Amino acid sequence: MPLPQTDEARRAERDRVDADDDAISVATGVAQWEVRIELSSHADAERLAEELEENGRSVVRRARFLIVGANDRDDAEVLAADLKSRGRVHVDPSSGAAWQLMPRNPFAVFGGLGG
């Protein structure tokens, strides 16, 4: 299949990939994208984790950084933009490892919230 050549075709392809990622995230409970945010202190990480969890986000906490699951790339980029003033932010496709360590299916509630 040839690569999209126009802006419209590239956007349509991205929408298709995001829809596939959404479906996989919901079906498997494994985030297809993640936002990692590095904070200045453990206390800052704890506060932000609680805030994100109160807003329905699934968060893996580690000392001074958080990994926040996102169903698709657009969802991850929007979240990253919202968090960039709080710390150093990275958006990446998920390896799935962090989400498989969660004690329950963290994305079961994200049916329509991902984007």
N, C-alpha and C. Protein backbone atom coordinates (compact mmCIF):
# COMPACT_ATOMS: atom_id res chain seq x y z
N MET A 1 0.85 -1.17 0.00
CA MET A 1 0.00 0.00 0.00
C MET A 1 0.90 1.24 0.00
N PRO A 2 0.67 2.17 -0.92
CA PRO A 2 1.51 3.37 -0.99
C PRO A 2 1.25 4.31 0.19
N LEU A 3 2.26 5.08 0.55
CA LEU A 3 2.11 6.06 1.63
C LEU A 3 1.19 7.19 1.18
N PRO A 4 0.43 7.78 2.12
CA PRO A 4 -0.44 8.91 1.77
C PRO A 4 0.38 10.08 1.24
N GLN A 5 -0.11 10.74 0.21
CA GLN A 5 0.63 11.81 -0.44
C GLN A 5 0.11 13.21 -0.12
N THR A 6 -1.12 13.33 0.33
CA THR A 6 -1.70 14.65 0.61
C THR A 6 -1.96 14.79 2.11
N ASP A 7 -2.13 16.03 2.56
CA ASP A 7 -2.45 16.26 3.97
C ASP A 7 -3.75 15.55 4.35
N GLU A 8 -4.71 15.60 3.45
CA GLU A 8 -6.00 14.95 3.71
C GLU A 8 -5.83 13.43 3.85
N ALA A 9 -5.05 12.86 2.97
CA ALA A 9 -4.81 11.41 3.02
C ALA A 9 -4.02 11.02 4.26
N ARG A 10 -3.05 11.86 4.65
CA ARG A 10 -2.27 11.58 5.88
C ARG A 10 -3.17 11.66 7.11
N ARG A 11 -4.06 12.63 7.15
CA ARG A 11 -4.98 12.75 8.28
C ARG A 11 -5.93 11.55 8.33
N ALA A 12 -6.43 11.13 7.18
CA ALA A 12 -7.32 9.97 7.14
C ALA A 12 -6.60 8.72 7.63
N GLU A 13 -5.34 8.55 7.24
CA GLU A 13 -4.56 7.40 7.70
C GLU A 13 -4.33 7.47 9.21
N ARG A 14 -4.03 8.65 9.72
CA ARG A 14 -3.83 8.80 11.16
C ARG A 14 -5.12 8.50 11.92
N ASP A 15 -6.25 8.97 11.42
CA ASP A 15 -7.53 8.67 12.05
C ASP A 15 -7.80 7.17 12.06
N ARG A 16 -7.46 6.49 10.96
CA ARG A 16 -7.65 5.04 10.89
C ARG A 16 -6.76 4.32 11.91
N VAL A 17 -5.51 4.74 12.01
CA VAL A 17 -4.58 4.12 12.97
C VAL A 17 -5.05 4.40 14.40
N ASP A 18 -5.49 5.62 14.67
CA ASP A 18 -5.99 5.94 16.02
C ASP A 18 -7.21 5.08 16.37
N ALA A 19 -8.10 4.89 15.41
CA ALA A 19 -9.28 4.05 15.67
C ALA A 19 -8.86 2.61 15.97
N ASP A 20 -7.87 2.12 15.22
CA ASP A 20 -7.36 0.77 15.50
C ASP A 20 -6.74 0.70 16.89
N ASP A 21 -5.93 1.71 17.24
CA ASP A 21 -5.30 1.74 18.57
C ASP A 21 -6.36 1.80 19.67
N ASP A 22 -7.39 2.61 19.48
CA ASP A 22 -8.48 2.68 20.47
C ASP A 22 -9.10 1.30 20.69
N ALA A 23 -9.41 0.64 19.60
CA ALA A 23 -10.05 -0.68 19.69
C ALA A 23 -9.15 -1.68 20.40
N ILE A 24 -7.87 -1.67 20.08
CA ILE A 24 -6.93 -2.60 20.73
C ILE A 24 -6.79 -2.28 22.21
N SER A 25 -6.67 -0.99 22.55
CA SER A 25 -6.55 -0.59 23.96
C SER A 25 -7.73 -1.07 24.78
N VAL A 26 -8.92 -0.85 24.27
CA VAL A 26 -10.13 -1.23 24.99
C VAL A 26 -10.27 -2.75 25.06
N ALA A 27 -10.00 -3.43 23.96
CA ALA A 27 -10.18 -4.89 23.92
C ALA A 27 -9.17 -5.63 24.80
N THR A 28 -7.93 -5.12 24.85
CA THR A 28 -6.88 -5.84 25.58
C THR A 28 -6.61 -5.29 26.97
N GLY A 29 -7.03 -4.04 27.21
CA GLY A 29 -6.70 -3.40 28.48
C GLY A 29 -5.26 -2.94 28.54
N VAL A 30 -4.58 -2.92 27.39
CA VAL A 30 -3.18 -2.49 27.33
C VAL A 30 -3.12 -1.20 26.51
N ALA A 31 -2.63 -0.13 27.15
CA ALA A 31 -2.53 1.16 26.47
C ALA A 31 -1.63 1.04 25.26
N GLN A 32 -2.06 1.58 24.13
CA GLN A 32 -1.24 1.54 22.93
C GLN A 32 -0.27 2.72 22.86
N TRP A 33 -0.53 3.75 23.66
CA TRP A 33 0.35 4.93 23.75
C TRP A 33 0.51 5.27 25.21
N GLU A 34 1.60 5.97 25.52
CA GLU A 34 1.80 6.39 26.89
C GLU A 34 2.49 7.75 26.94
N VAL A 35 2.19 8.46 28.01
CA VAL A 35 2.82 9.74 28.28
C VAL A 35 3.63 9.54 29.55
N ARG A 36 4.92 9.79 29.45
CA ARG A 36 5.79 9.71 30.62
C ARG A 36 6.11 11.15 31.02
N ILE A 37 5.89 11.44 32.30
CA ILE A 37 6.20 12.78 32.80
C ILE A 37 7.16 12.66 33.97
N GLU A 38 8.27 13.36 33.85
CA GLU A 38 9.29 13.41 34.90
C GLU A 38 9.06 14.68 35.71
N LEU A 39 8.93 14.50 37.02
CA LEU A 39 8.64 15.63 37.90
C LEU A 39 9.83 15.93 38.80
N SER A 40 9.79 17.07 39.47
CA SER A 40 10.93 17.49 40.27
C SER A 40 11.03 16.78 41.62
N SER A 41 9.95 16.17 42.08
CA SER A 41 10.00 15.49 43.38
C SER A 41 8.99 14.35 43.44
N HIS A 42 9.19 13.47 44.39
CA HIS A 42 8.25 12.38 44.62
C HIS A 42 6.88 12.94 45.03
N ALA A 43 6.89 13.98 45.85
CA ALA A 43 5.63 14.58 46.29
C ALA A 43 4.85 15.15 45.10
N ASP A 44 5.56 15.80 44.16
CA ASP A 44 4.90 16.32 42.96
C ASP A 44 4.31 15.18 42.14
N ALA A 45 5.05 14.08 42.04
CA ALA A 45 4.56 12.93 41.29
C ALA A 45 3.31 12.35 41.94
N GLU A 46 3.31 12.24 43.26
CA GLU A 46 2.14 11.72 43.98
C GLU A 46 0.92 12.61 43.77
N ARG A 47 1.11 13.93 43.88
CA ARG A 47 -0.01 14.86 43.69
C ARG A 47 -0.59 14.76 42.28
N LEU A 48 0.29 14.75 41.28
CA LEU A 48 -0.19 14.68 39.90
C LEU A 48 -0.86 13.34 39.63
N ALA A 49 -0.30 12.26 40.15
CA ALA A 49 -0.92 10.94 39.96
C ALA A 49 -2.34 10.92 40.51
N GLU A 50 -2.52 11.47 41.70
CA GLU A 50 -3.85 11.51 42.30
C GLU A 50 -4.80 12.34 41.45
N GLU A 51 -4.33 13.47 40.96
CA GLU A 51 -5.15 14.35 40.11
C GLU A 51 -5.56 13.62 38.82
N LEU A 52 -4.61 12.96 38.18
CA LEU A 52 -4.90 12.24 36.94
C LEU A 52 -5.86 11.08 37.19
N GLU A 53 -5.66 10.35 38.27
CA GLU A 53 -6.55 9.24 38.60
C GLU A 53 -7.96 9.72 38.91
N GLU A 54 -8.08 10.87 39.57
CA GLU A 54 -9.41 11.44 39.84
C GLU A 54 -10.12 11.79 38.54
N ASN A 55 -9.34 12.09 37.49
CA ASN A 55 -9.91 12.42 36.19
C ASN A 55 -10.05 11.21 35.28
N GLY A 56 -9.92 10.00 35.86
CA GLY A 56 -10.17 8.79 35.10
C GLY A 56 -8.98 8.21 34.36
N ARG A 57 -7.81 8.76 34.56
CA ARG A 57 -6.61 8.26 33.89
C ARG A 57 -6.00 7.11 34.69
N SER A 58 -5.39 6.18 33.99
CA SER A 58 -4.64 5.10 34.63
C SER A 58 -3.18 5.51 34.67
N VAL A 59 -2.59 5.37 35.85
CA VAL A 59 -1.24 5.88 36.08
C VAL A 59 -0.39 4.80 36.74
N VAL A 60 0.83 4.66 36.24
CA VAL A 60 1.84 3.84 36.90
C VAL A 60 2.79 4.83 37.55
N ARG A 61 2.98 4.68 38.86
CA ARG A 61 3.82 5.62 39.61
C ARG A 61 5.19 5.03 39.85
N ARG A 62 6.21 5.84 39.66
CA ARG A 62 7.58 5.48 39.97
C ARG A 62 8.27 6.73 40.51
N ALA A 63 8.79 6.67 41.70
CA ALA A 63 9.54 7.76 42.34
C ALA A 63 9.16 9.15 41.84
N ARG A 64 9.92 9.69 40.89
CA ARG A 64 9.67 11.05 40.41
C ARG A 64 9.10 11.09 39.00
N PHE A 65 8.60 9.99 38.50
CA PHE A 65 7.96 10.04 37.19
C PHE A 65 6.71 9.18 37.17
N LEU A 66 5.85 9.50 36.22
CA LEU A 66 4.59 8.78 36.03
C LEU A 66 4.52 8.32 34.58
N ILE A 67 3.87 7.19 34.38
CA ILE A 67 3.52 6.74 33.03
C ILE A 67 2.00 6.72 32.99
N VAL A 68 1.45 7.48 32.06
CA VAL A 68 0.00 7.62 31.95
C VAL A 68 -0.44 7.01 30.63
N GLY A 69 -1.36 6.07 30.70
CA GLY A 69 -1.84 5.40 29.51
C GLY A 69 -2.74 6.26 28.66
N ALA A 70 -2.65 6.04 27.35
CA ALA A 70 -3.52 6.72 26.39
C ALA A 70 -3.93 5.69 25.34
N ASN A 71 -5.16 5.77 24.92
CA ASN A 71 -5.67 4.80 23.96
C ASN A 71 -5.06 4.97 22.58
N ASP A 72 -4.75 6.21 22.19
CA ASP A 72 -4.22 6.45 20.86
C ASP A 72 -3.28 7.66 20.87
N ARG A 73 -2.65 7.91 19.73
CA ARG A 73 -1.65 8.97 19.64
C ARG A 73 -2.25 10.34 19.92
N ASP A 74 -3.41 10.64 19.33
CA ASP A 74 -4.03 11.94 19.56
C ASP A 74 -4.32 12.16 21.05
N ASP A 75 -4.85 11.15 21.72
CA ASP A 75 -5.13 11.23 23.15
C ASP A 75 -3.83 11.51 23.92
N ALA A 76 -2.75 10.82 23.56
CA ALA A 76 -1.47 11.01 24.23
C ALA A 76 -0.93 12.42 24.00
N GLU A 77 -1.04 12.92 22.79
CA GLU A 77 -0.52 14.26 22.49
C GLU A 77 -1.31 15.36 23.20
N VAL A 78 -2.62 15.20 23.29
CA VAL A 78 -3.44 16.18 24.02
C VAL A 78 -3.06 16.17 25.50
N LEU A 79 -2.92 14.98 26.08
CA LEU A 79 -2.52 14.88 27.47
C LEU A 79 -1.14 15.49 27.69
N ALA A 80 -0.20 15.20 26.82
CA ALA A 80 1.15 15.75 26.94
C ALA A 80 1.14 17.27 26.90
N ALA A 81 0.35 17.83 26.02
CA ALA A 81 0.25 19.29 25.94
C ALA A 81 -0.31 19.87 27.24
N ASP A 82 -1.28 19.17 27.84
CA ASP A 82 -1.85 19.62 29.11
C ASP A 82 -0.84 19.54 30.25
N LEU A 83 0.10 18.60 30.17
CA LEU A 83 1.04 18.35 31.27
C LEU A 83 2.39 19.04 31.11
N LYS A 84 2.67 19.63 29.95
CA LYS A 84 4.02 20.12 29.70
C LYS A 84 4.49 21.19 30.68
N SER A 85 3.58 21.91 31.30
CA SER A 85 4.00 22.91 32.28
C SER A 85 4.33 22.29 33.64
N ARG A 86 4.03 21.01 33.82
CA ARG A 86 4.22 20.34 35.11
C ARG A 86 5.56 19.62 35.22
N GLY A 87 6.16 19.29 34.08
CA GLY A 87 7.41 18.55 34.09
C GLY A 87 7.87 18.23 32.68
N ARG A 88 8.85 17.38 32.60
CA ARG A 88 9.39 16.96 31.31
C ARG A 88 8.54 15.82 30.78
N VAL A 89 8.00 16.00 29.57
CA VAL A 89 7.00 15.08 29.04
C VAL A 89 7.51 14.38 27.77
N HIS A 90 7.22 13.09 27.67
CA HIS A 90 7.57 12.28 26.49
C HIS A 90 6.32 11.51 26.07
N VAL A 91 6.08 11.43 24.76
CA VAL A 91 4.98 10.63 24.22
C VAL A 91 5.59 9.53 23.36
N ASP A 92 5.18 8.31 23.64
CA ASP A 92 5.71 7.16 22.89
C ASP A 92 4.65 6.10 22.71
N PRO A 93 4.82 5.30 21.66
CA PRO A 93 3.98 4.09 21.59
C PRO A 93 4.29 3.25 22.82
N SER A 94 3.31 2.59 23.33
CA SER A 94 3.48 1.81 24.55
C SER A 94 4.13 0.47 24.27
N SER A 95 5.00 0.08 25.18
CA SER A 95 5.53 -1.28 25.12
C SER A 95 4.51 -2.24 25.71
N GLY A 96 3.57 -1.70 26.47
CA GLY A 96 2.55 -2.52 27.11
C GLY A 96 3.00 -3.13 28.42
N ALA A 97 4.30 -3.12 28.70
CA ALA A 97 4.81 -3.78 29.90
C ALA A 97 4.26 -3.17 31.18
N ALA A 98 4.24 -1.85 31.27
CA ALA A 98 3.75 -1.20 32.49
C ALA A 98 2.29 -1.52 32.73
N TRP A 99 1.50 -1.59 31.68
CA TRP A 99 0.06 -1.80 31.83
C TRP A 99 -0.26 -3.25 32.16
N GLN A 100 0.60 -4.17 31.73
CA GLN A 100 0.38 -5.56 32.07
C GLN A 100 0.69 -5.84 33.54
N LEU A 101 1.44 -4.94 34.17
CA LEU A 101 1.75 -5.09 35.60
C LEU A 101 0.65 -4.54 36.49
N MET A 102 -0.29 -3.81 35.91
CA MET A 102 -1.38 -3.26 36.70
C MET A 102 -2.23 -4.41 37.23
N PRO A 103 -2.77 -4.27 38.46
CA PRO A 103 -3.53 -5.36 39.06
C PRO A 103 -4.87 -5.63 38.41
N ARG A 104 -5.36 -4.72 37.60
CA ARG A 104 -6.66 -4.91 36.96
C ARG A 104 -6.59 -4.29 35.57
N ASN A 105 -7.65 -4.39 34.83
CA ASN A 105 -7.70 -3.84 33.48
C ASN A 105 -7.97 -2.33 33.57
N PRO A 106 -6.94 -1.48 33.46
CA PRO A 106 -7.12 -0.05 33.69
C PRO A 106 -7.90 0.69 32.61
N PHE A 107 -8.04 0.10 31.41
CA PHE A 107 -8.67 0.81 30.32
C PHE A 107 -10.09 0.37 30.05
N ALA A 108 -10.61 -0.51 30.87
CA ALA A 108 -11.97 -1.00 30.68
C ALA A 108 -12.97 0.16 30.73
N VAL A 109 -12.68 1.20 31.49
CA VAL A 109 -13.60 2.34 31.62
C VAL A 109 -13.44 3.37 30.52
N PHE A 110 -12.46 3.20 29.62
CA PHE A 110 -12.17 4.22 28.62
C PHE A 110 -12.94 4.04 27.33
N GLY A 111 -13.98 3.25 27.32
CA GLY A 111 -14.72 2.98 26.09
C GLY A 111 -14.87 4.16 25.17
N GLY A 112 -15.35 5.30 25.63
CA GLY A 112 -15.54 6.46 24.76
C GLY A 112 -14.73 7.65 25.19
N LEU A 113 -13.84 7.50 26.16
CA LEU A 113 -13.13 8.65 26.70
C LEU A 113 -11.80 8.92 26.01
N GLY A 114 -11.37 8.05 25.13
CA GLY A 114 -10.04 8.17 24.56
C GLY A 114 -9.89 9.22 23.49
N GLY A 115 -10.92 9.85 23.04
CA GLY A 115 -10.65 10.84 22.04
C GLY A 115 -11.87 11.27 21.35
